[in-house]
N, C-alpha and C. Protein backbone atom coordinates (compact mmCIF):
# COMPACT_ATOMS: atom_id res chain seq x y z
N UNK A 1 6.44 40.64 22.08
CA UNK A 1 5.71 40.10 21.26
C UNK A 1 5.28 40.46 20.16
N UNK A 2 5.35 39.34 19.01
CA UNK A 2 5.34 38.72 17.65
C UNK A 2 4.40 39.95 17.15
N UNK A 3 5.13 40.59 15.90
CA UNK A 3 4.07 41.19 15.05
C UNK A 3 3.43 39.63 14.07
N UNK A 4 2.04 40.47 13.87
CA UNK A 4 1.45 40.21 12.69
C UNK A 4 1.40 39.83 11.58
N UNK A 5 1.25 39.20 10.80
CA UNK A 5 1.74 39.53 9.29
C UNK A 5 0.77 38.30 8.92
N UNK A 6 0.04 38.49 8.22
CA UNK A 6 -0.95 37.13 7.29
C UNK A 6 -0.01 37.37 6.10
N UNK A 7 -0.17 35.97 5.20
CA UNK A 7 0.53 35.82 4.18
C UNK A 7 -0.04 34.75 2.82
N UNK A 8 -0.02 34.72 1.96
CA UNK A 8 -0.46 34.12 0.68
C UNK A 8 0.24 33.45 -0.20
N UNK A 9 -0.16 32.05 -0.10
CA UNK A 9 0.76 31.26 -1.37
C UNK A 9 0.24 30.55 -1.64
N UNK A 10 0.99 30.68 -3.35
CA UNK A 10 0.33 29.80 -4.40
C UNK A 10 0.82 28.91 -4.22
N UNK A 11 -0.04 28.01 -4.56
CA UNK A 11 0.46 26.22 -4.36
C UNK A 11 1.11 26.14 -6.37
N UNK A 12 2.27 25.13 -5.97
CA UNK A 12 3.30 24.88 -6.98
C UNK A 12 3.87 25.92 -7.65
N UNK A 13 4.14 27.07 -6.91
CA UNK A 13 4.74 27.99 -7.02
C UNK A 13 6.03 28.50 -6.08
N UNK A 14 7.36 29.17 -6.43
CA UNK A 14 7.79 29.38 -5.02
C UNK A 14 7.48 30.57 -4.69
N UNK A 15 7.61 30.44 -3.27
CA UNK A 15 6.93 31.38 -2.45
C UNK A 15 8.37 31.96 -1.65
N UNK A 16 8.80 33.27 -1.58
CA UNK A 16 9.43 33.78 -0.85
C UNK A 16 9.15 35.40 -0.11
N UNK A 17 9.17 35.70 0.88
CA UNK A 17 9.00 36.69 1.62
C UNK A 17 10.21 37.30 2.29
N UNK A 18 10.28 38.40 2.83
CA UNK A 18 11.43 39.21 3.25
C UNK A 18 10.42 39.70 4.80
N UNK A 19 11.21 39.73 5.88
CA UNK A 19 10.63 39.92 7.19
C UNK A 19 11.27 40.98 7.88
N UNK A 20 11.14 41.87 8.28
CA UNK A 20 12.23 43.56 8.38
C UNK A 20 11.75 43.21 10.35
N UNK A 21 13.24 42.35 11.17
CA UNK A 21 12.33 42.80 12.58
C UNK A 21 12.72 43.99 13.14
N UNK A 22 11.68 44.72 14.31
CA UNK A 22 12.57 45.89 14.37
C UNK A 22 11.35 46.10 16.26
N UNK A 23 12.67 47.17 16.67
CA UNK A 23 12.45 46.90 18.17
C UNK A 23 11.03 47.81 18.49
N UNK A 24 11.00 48.31 19.68
CA UNK A 24 9.94 49.32 20.08
C UNK A 24 9.62 50.41 19.34
N UNK A 25 11.27 51.32 19.13
CA UNK A 25 11.24 52.44 18.98
C UNK A 25 11.18 52.33 17.13
N UNK A 26 10.67 51.01 16.30
CA UNK A 26 10.48 51.03 15.22
C UNK A 26 12.20 50.99 14.23
N UNK A 27 12.73 50.74 15.16
CA UNK A 27 14.27 50.55 14.89
C UNK A 27 14.93 49.13 14.55
N UNK A 28 15.47 49.21 12.79
CA UNK A 28 16.02 47.49 12.89
C UNK A 28 16.67 47.12 13.68
N UNK A 29 16.53 45.70 14.49
CA UNK A 29 17.40 45.03 14.93
C UNK A 29 18.59 44.51 14.41
N UNK A 30 19.74 44.52 14.54
CA UNK A 30 20.73 44.40 14.27
C UNK A 30 20.50 42.62 14.30
N UNK A 31 21.00 41.60 13.46
CA UNK A 31 20.64 40.30 13.50
C UNK A 31 21.63 39.35 13.52
N UNK A 32 22.70 40.37 13.47
CA UNK A 32 24.60 39.32 13.76
C UNK A 32 24.29 38.69 14.96
N UNK A 33 24.66 37.78 14.31
CA UNK A 33 25.03 35.72 15.04
C UNK A 33 23.84 35.63 15.34
N UNK A 34 22.28 35.83 14.97
CA UNK A 34 21.10 35.13 15.01
C UNK A 34 21.03 33.87 14.29
N UNK A 35 20.17 32.85 14.44
CA UNK A 35 19.73 32.42 13.03
C UNK A 35 18.19 31.87 13.47
N UNK A 36 17.68 31.45 12.80
CA UNK A 36 16.38 31.63 12.30
C UNK A 36 15.46 30.61 12.09
N UNK A 37 14.32 30.13 12.50
CA UNK A 37 13.42 29.31 12.13
C UNK A 37 12.25 29.62 11.84
N UNK A 38 11.74 28.94 10.65
CA UNK A 38 10.09 28.95 10.23
C UNK A 38 9.38 27.72 10.13
N UNK A 39 7.99 28.11 10.76
CA UNK A 39 7.45 26.58 10.55
C UNK A 39 5.32 27.21 9.86
N UNK A 40 5.15 26.01 9.05
CA UNK A 40 3.55 26.43 8.88
C UNK A 40 3.24 25.49 9.22
N UNK A 41 1.97 25.31 9.69
CA UNK A 41 1.01 23.90 9.91
C UNK A 41 -0.47 24.19 9.80
N UNK A 42 -1.24 23.45 9.75
CA UNK A 42 -3.00 23.50 9.78
C UNK A 42 -3.29 24.72 11.00
N UNK A 43 -2.65 23.80 11.88
CA UNK A 43 -3.26 24.86 13.04
C UNK A 43 -2.31 24.43 14.44
N UNK A 44 -2.39 24.91 15.40
CA UNK A 44 -1.40 25.57 16.39
C UNK A 44 -1.37 24.22 17.11
N UNK A 45 -1.77 22.97 17.09
CA UNK A 45 -1.98 21.79 17.65
C UNK A 45 -1.41 20.81 17.11
N UNK A 46 -1.33 21.31 15.32
CA UNK A 46 -0.90 19.84 14.55
C UNK A 46 0.45 19.54 14.80
N UNK A 47 0.79 18.46 14.45
CA UNK A 47 1.87 17.50 15.19
C UNK A 47 3.27 17.44 13.71
N UNK A 48 2.34 17.83 12.52
CA UNK A 48 3.20 17.61 11.34
C UNK A 48 3.15 19.63 10.84
N UNK A 49 4.44 19.40 10.23
CA UNK A 49 4.45 20.87 9.90
C UNK A 49 5.31 20.88 8.76
N UNK A 50 5.43 22.27 8.09
CA UNK A 50 6.47 21.96 7.27
C UNK A 50 7.80 23.25 7.12
N UNK A 51 8.59 23.21 7.11
CA UNK A 51 9.65 24.06 7.53
C UNK A 51 10.25 25.36 6.40
N UNK A 52 10.17 26.10 6.54
CA UNK A 52 10.29 27.61 5.89
C UNK A 52 11.78 26.84 5.70
N UNK A 53 12.75 27.57 4.37
CA UNK A 53 13.89 27.84 4.37
C UNK A 53 14.27 29.12 4.81
N UNK A 54 15.01 29.71 5.96
CA UNK A 54 15.17 31.25 6.52
C UNK A 54 16.15 30.91 6.71
N UNK A 55 16.49 32.36 6.67
CA UNK A 55 17.83 33.11 7.08
C UNK A 55 17.81 33.91 7.03
N UNK A 56 19.19 34.91 8.18
CA UNK A 56 19.28 36.63 7.83
C UNK A 56 19.60 36.57 6.22
N UNK A 57 18.80 37.45 6.23
CA UNK A 57 19.54 38.54 4.29
C UNK A 57 20.42 39.02 4.51
N UNK A 58 19.76 40.59 5.54
CA UNK A 58 20.55 41.53 5.66
C UNK A 58 20.76 41.80 7.26
N UNK A 59 21.91 41.35 8.16
CA UNK A 59 21.71 41.63 9.07
C UNK A 59 21.56 42.93 10.02
N UNK A 60 21.93 43.91 9.46
CA UNK A 60 22.45 45.14 9.93
C UNK A 60 20.82 45.77 9.79
N UNK A 61 20.16 45.51 8.74
CA UNK A 61 19.19 45.94 8.31
C UNK A 61 17.74 45.06 9.22
N UNK A 62 17.88 44.00 9.78
CA UNK A 62 17.38 43.20 10.05
C UNK A 62 16.25 42.49 9.70
N UNK A 63 16.82 42.20 8.07
CA UNK A 63 16.14 41.34 7.28
C UNK A 63 16.25 39.96 7.15
N UNK A 64 15.31 38.98 7.40
CA UNK A 64 14.79 37.90 7.60
C UNK A 64 14.44 37.41 5.82
N UNK A 65 14.50 36.46 5.15
CA UNK A 65 13.97 35.98 3.99
C UNK A 65 13.22 34.38 4.83
N UNK A 66 12.65 33.96 4.32
CA UNK A 66 11.84 33.07 4.21
C UNK A 66 11.09 32.28 2.82
N UNK A 67 11.56 31.04 2.75
CA UNK A 67 10.85 30.47 1.78
C UNK A 67 10.49 29.15 1.68
N UNK A 68 9.38 28.73 0.54
CA UNK A 68 9.14 27.60 0.43
C UNK A 68 9.50 27.11 -1.26
N UNK A 69 9.97 26.01 -1.72
CA UNK A 69 9.99 25.31 -3.17
C UNK A 69 8.70 25.00 -3.39
N UNK A 70 8.26 25.11 -4.81
CA UNK A 70 7.65 24.48 -5.68
C UNK A 70 6.72 23.35 -5.29
N UNK A 71 8.00 22.73 -4.53
CA UNK A 71 7.65 21.28 -4.28
C UNK A 71 6.92 21.42 -2.82
N UNK A 72 7.37 22.09 -2.16
CA UNK A 72 6.66 22.15 -0.91
C UNK A 72 5.10 22.89 -1.43
N UNK A 73 5.24 23.67 -1.67
CA UNK A 73 4.03 24.48 -2.02
C UNK A 73 3.10 23.49 -3.00
N UNK A 74 3.79 23.05 -3.50
CA UNK A 74 2.62 21.86 -3.97
C UNK A 74 1.60 20.61 -3.26
N UNK A 75 2.84 20.87 -2.07
CA UNK A 75 2.39 19.39 -0.93
C UNK A 75 1.01 19.89 0.27
N UNK A 76 1.25 21.84 -0.09
CA UNK A 76 0.11 21.86 0.48
C UNK A 76 -1.17 21.93 0.26
N UNK A 77 -1.87 21.28 0.63
CA UNK A 77 -3.57 21.56 0.60
C UNK A 77 -3.44 23.03 0.49
N UNK A 78 -4.93 23.20 -0.26
CA UNK A 78 -5.65 25.09 -0.08
C UNK A 78 -6.23 24.92 1.35
N UNK A 79 -6.02 26.01 1.75
CA UNK A 79 -6.76 26.94 2.92
C UNK A 79 -6.15 27.56 3.57
N UNK A 80 -6.05 27.51 4.75
CA UNK A 80 -5.75 28.21 5.78
C UNK A 80 -4.37 27.57 6.92
N UNK A 81 -4.07 28.36 7.55
CA UNK A 81 -2.37 27.53 8.14
C UNK A 81 -2.14 28.80 8.66
N UNK A 82 -1.50 28.40 9.90
CA UNK A 82 -0.81 29.00 10.90
C UNK A 82 0.73 29.24 10.96
N UNK A 83 2.10 30.16 10.70
CA UNK A 83 3.00 30.15 10.55
C UNK A 83 3.84 31.43 11.64
N UNK A 84 5.28 30.81 12.03
CA UNK A 84 6.00 31.96 13.07
C UNK A 84 7.23 31.98 12.55
N UNK A 85 7.66 32.74 13.08
CA UNK A 85 9.01 33.12 12.52
C UNK A 85 10.21 32.90 14.13
N UNK A 86 10.99 31.76 14.51
CA UNK A 86 11.60 32.29 15.47
C UNK A 86 12.92 32.69 15.38
N UNK A 87 13.84 33.70 15.93
CA UNK A 87 15.01 33.75 15.57
C UNK A 87 15.48 33.34 17.12
N UNK A 88 17.19 33.41 17.19
CA UNK A 88 17.88 32.47 18.41
C UNK A 88 19.12 33.33 18.42
N UNK A 89 19.19 33.90 20.22
CA UNK A 89 20.43 34.40 19.64
C UNK A 89 21.94 33.68 19.82
N UNK A 90 23.11 34.62 19.69
CA UNK A 90 24.33 33.17 20.01
C UNK A 90 24.22 33.03 21.13
N UNK A 91 23.45 33.51 22.28
CA UNK A 91 23.43 32.79 23.97
C UNK A 91 22.31 32.09 23.91
N UNK A 92 21.62 31.79 22.83
CA UNK A 92 20.43 30.76 23.22
C UNK A 92 18.90 31.53 23.30
N UNK A 93 18.93 32.62 24.06
CA UNK A 93 17.60 33.28 23.59
C UNK A 93 16.95 32.99 22.77
N UNK A 94 15.82 32.69 22.58
CA UNK A 94 14.29 32.27 21.29
C UNK A 94 13.47 33.78 21.82
N UNK A 95 13.07 34.43 20.47
CA UNK A 95 12.60 35.17 19.81
C UNK A 95 11.73 35.24 19.41
N UNK A 96 9.94 34.74 19.36
CA UNK A 96 9.14 34.57 18.25
C UNK A 96 9.03 36.33 17.52
N UNK A 97 9.69 36.38 16.44
CA UNK A 97 9.37 38.09 15.67
C UNK A 97 7.98 37.93 14.51
N UNK A 98 7.73 37.01 14.13
CA UNK A 98 6.35 37.39 13.24
C UNK A 98 5.67 35.99 13.85
N UNK A 99 4.08 36.45 13.55
CA UNK A 99 3.35 35.17 13.06
C UNK A 99 1.62 35.94 12.78
N UNK A 100 1.28 34.47 12.16
CA UNK A 100 0.20 34.89 11.39
C UNK A 100 -0.79 33.87 10.32
N UNK A 101 -1.51 34.17 9.91
CA UNK A 101 -2.47 32.88 8.98
C UNK A 101 -1.67 33.16 7.55
N UNK A 102 -1.57 32.01 7.44
CA UNK A 102 -1.13 31.39 5.79
C UNK A 102 -1.50 31.00 5.21
N UNK A 103 -2.09 31.68 3.99
CA UNK A 103 -3.80 30.82 2.91
C UNK A 103 -3.04 30.75 2.16
N UNK A 104 -3.19 29.34 1.40
CA UNK A 104 -2.69 28.60 0.50
C UNK A 104 -3.82 28.99 -0.32
N UNK A 105 -3.85 29.65 -1.85
CA UNK A 105 -4.09 29.67 -2.59
C UNK A 105 -4.24 28.32 -3.76
N UNK A 106 -5.23 27.87 -4.29
CA UNK A 106 -4.76 26.87 -5.28
C UNK A 106 -4.44 27.02 -6.25
N UNK A 107 -3.74 25.97 -6.82
CA UNK A 107 -3.09 26.02 -8.34
C UNK A 107 -4.33 25.73 -9.26
N UNK A 108 -4.15 26.73 -10.98
CA UNK A 108 -4.88 25.49 -11.70
C UNK A 108 -3.83 24.79 -13.03
N UNK A 109 -2.77 25.25 -12.77
CA UNK A 109 -2.05 24.93 -13.90
C UNK A 109 -1.39 24.07 -13.48
N UNK A 110 -0.74 23.00 -14.39
CA UNK A 110 0.14 22.07 -14.02
C UNK A 110 1.15 21.84 -14.60
N UNK A 111 2.40 22.30 -14.47
CA UNK A 111 3.62 22.16 -14.78
C UNK A 111 3.87 20.76 -14.75
């Protein structure tokens, strides 16, 4: 079962966060050989999505980094979204490791 982690994204700003994948004993999962995908959608049923840039940033520590560019965050309307992070083992097994609500905060400054 995926862990729940709610995130906050500021419109017009770079968004980056690091997630640590752990097992049932709270030990870091070695992510060597894994690939990562992550998406944000307005709802679970929404057909449109925005893909995070997602990568294993420290395999032995189980760390994954997901990010959005300022252009991507500007295009998101303020409000609540859902997101998740999916890892794929070299053998093809897919596991959702994190999911939650993403709140997009509106921007005041325009650059």
